[in-house]
C-alpha atoms as a PDB file:
ATOM      1  CA  UNK A   1      -6.821 -87.555 -22.500  1.00  0.00           C
ATOM      2  CA  UNK A   2      -5.762 -89.319 -19.346  1.00  0.00           C
ATOM      3  CA  UNK A   3      -5.515 -92.961 -18.441  1.00  0.00           C
ATOM      4  CA  UNK A   4      -6.812 -94.234 -15.107  1.00  0.00           C
ATOM      5  CA  UNK A   5      -5.629 -97.559 -13.780  1.00  0.00           C
ATOM      6  CA  UNK A   6      -7.944 -99.301 -11.335  1.00  0.00           C
ATOM      7  CA  UNK A   7      -6.431-102.277  -9.593  1.00  0.00           C
ATOM      8  CA  UNK A   8      -7.079-104.401  -6.556  1.00  0.00           C
ATOM      9  CA  UNK A   9      -7.891-107.877  -5.383  1.00  0.00           C
ATOM     10  CA  UNK A  10     -10.837-109.869  -6.610  1.00  0.00           C
ATOM     11  CA  UNK A  11     -14.189-108.811  -5.177  1.00  0.00           C
ATOM     12  CA  UNK A  12     -13.193-105.289  -4.119  1.00  0.00           C
ATOM     13  CA  UNK A  13     -15.637-103.510  -6.470  1.00  0.00           C
ATOM     14  CA  UNK A  14     -13.328-102.450  -9.290  1.00  0.00           C
ATOM     15  CA  UNK A  15     -15.769-103.273 -12.084  1.00  0.00           C
ATOM     16  CA  UNK A  16     -18.717-101.671 -10.304  1.00  0.00           C
ATOM     17  CA  UNK A  17     -16.670 -98.499  -9.741  1.00  0.00           C
ATOM     18  CA  UNK A  18     -15.679 -98.351 -13.405  1.00  0.00           C
ATOM     19  CA  UNK A  19     -19.213 -98.879 -14.715  1.00  0.00           C
ATOM     20  CA  UNK A  20     -20.654 -96.231 -12.381  1.00  0.00           C
ATOM     21  CA  UNK A  21     -17.936 -93.758 -13.364  1.00  0.00           C
ATOM     22  CA  UNK A  22     -18.628 -94.385 -17.054  1.00  0.00           C
ATOM     23  CA  UNK A  23     -22.375 -93.822 -16.683  1.00  0.00           C
ATOM     24  CA  UNK A  24     -21.718 -90.645 -14.670  1.00  0.00           C
ATOM     25  CA  UNK A  25     -19.518 -89.202 -17.431  1.00  0.00           C
ATOM     26  CA  UNK A  26     -21.110 -90.740 -20.520  1.00  0.00           C
ATOM     27  CA  UNK A  27     -22.264 -87.438 -22.020  1.00  0.00           C
ATOM     28  CA  UNK A  28     -19.255 -85.336 -21.037  1.00  0.00           C
ATOM     29  CA  UNK A  29     -16.396 -86.919 -22.929  1.00  0.00           C
ATOM     30  CA  UNK A  30     -15.271 -89.839 -25.050  1.00  0.00           C
ATOM     31  CA  UNK A  31     -14.985 -93.071 -23.129  1.00  0.00           C
ATOM     32  CA  UNK A  32     -13.108 -96.173 -24.220  1.00  0.00           C
ATOM     33  CA  UNK A  33     -13.845 -99.452 -22.491  1.00  0.00           C
ATOM     34  CA  UNK A  34     -11.048-101.928 -23.138  1.00  0.00           C
ATOM     35  CA  UNK A  35     -11.923-105.496 -22.217  1.00  0.00           C
ATOM     36  CA  UNK A  36     -10.700-108.926 -23.282  1.00  0.00           C
ATOM     37  CA  UNK A  37     -12.495-110.222 -26.364  1.00  0.00           C
ATOM     38  CA  UNK A  38     -14.210-113.037 -24.449  1.00  0.00           C
ATOM     39  CA  UNK A  39     -15.705-110.470 -22.009  1.00  0.00           C
ATOM     40  CA  UNK A  40     -16.928-107.999 -24.636  1.00  0.00           C
ATOM     41  CA  UNK A  41     -20.626-108.921 -24.588  1.00  0.00           C
ATOM     42  CA  UNK A  42     -20.860-109.180 -20.814  1.00  0.00           C
ATOM     43  CA  UNK A  43     -19.145-105.777 -20.376  1.00  0.00           C
ATOM     44  CA  UNK A  44     -21.553-104.096 -22.801  1.00  0.00           C
ATOM     45  CA  UNK A  45     -24.522-105.771 -21.127  1.00  0.00           C
ATOM     46  CA  UNK A  46     -23.400-104.702 -17.630  1.00  0.00           C
ATOM     47  CA  UNK A  47     -22.814-101.110 -18.779  1.00  0.00           C
ATOM     48  CA  UNK A  48     -26.278-101.003 -20.342  1.00  0.00           C
ATOM     49  CA  UNK A  49     -27.914-102.377 -17.173  1.00  0.00           C
ATOM     50  CA  UNK A  50     -26.186 -99.867 -14.915  1.00  0.00           C
ATOM     51  CA  UNK A  51     -26.915 -96.923 -17.199  1.00  0.00           C
ATOM     52  CA  UNK A  52     -30.637 -97.861 -17.277  1.00  0.00           C
ATOM     53  CA  UNK A  53     -30.790 -97.810 -13.445  1.00  0.00           C
ATOM     54  CA  UNK A  54     -29.511 -94.244 -13.332  1.00  0.00           C
END
């Protein structure tokens, strides 16, 4: 298992990159999405929306 760190300034597309990468690899391996507790629902919702578009 490897750990990827994605960092950058606000508005550079970090979250979009992560969600697209997750949906691309969702069936290939285990994926752990670690988010702050207050962002849990919005992260799940965004991942669901992006995976439905694919």
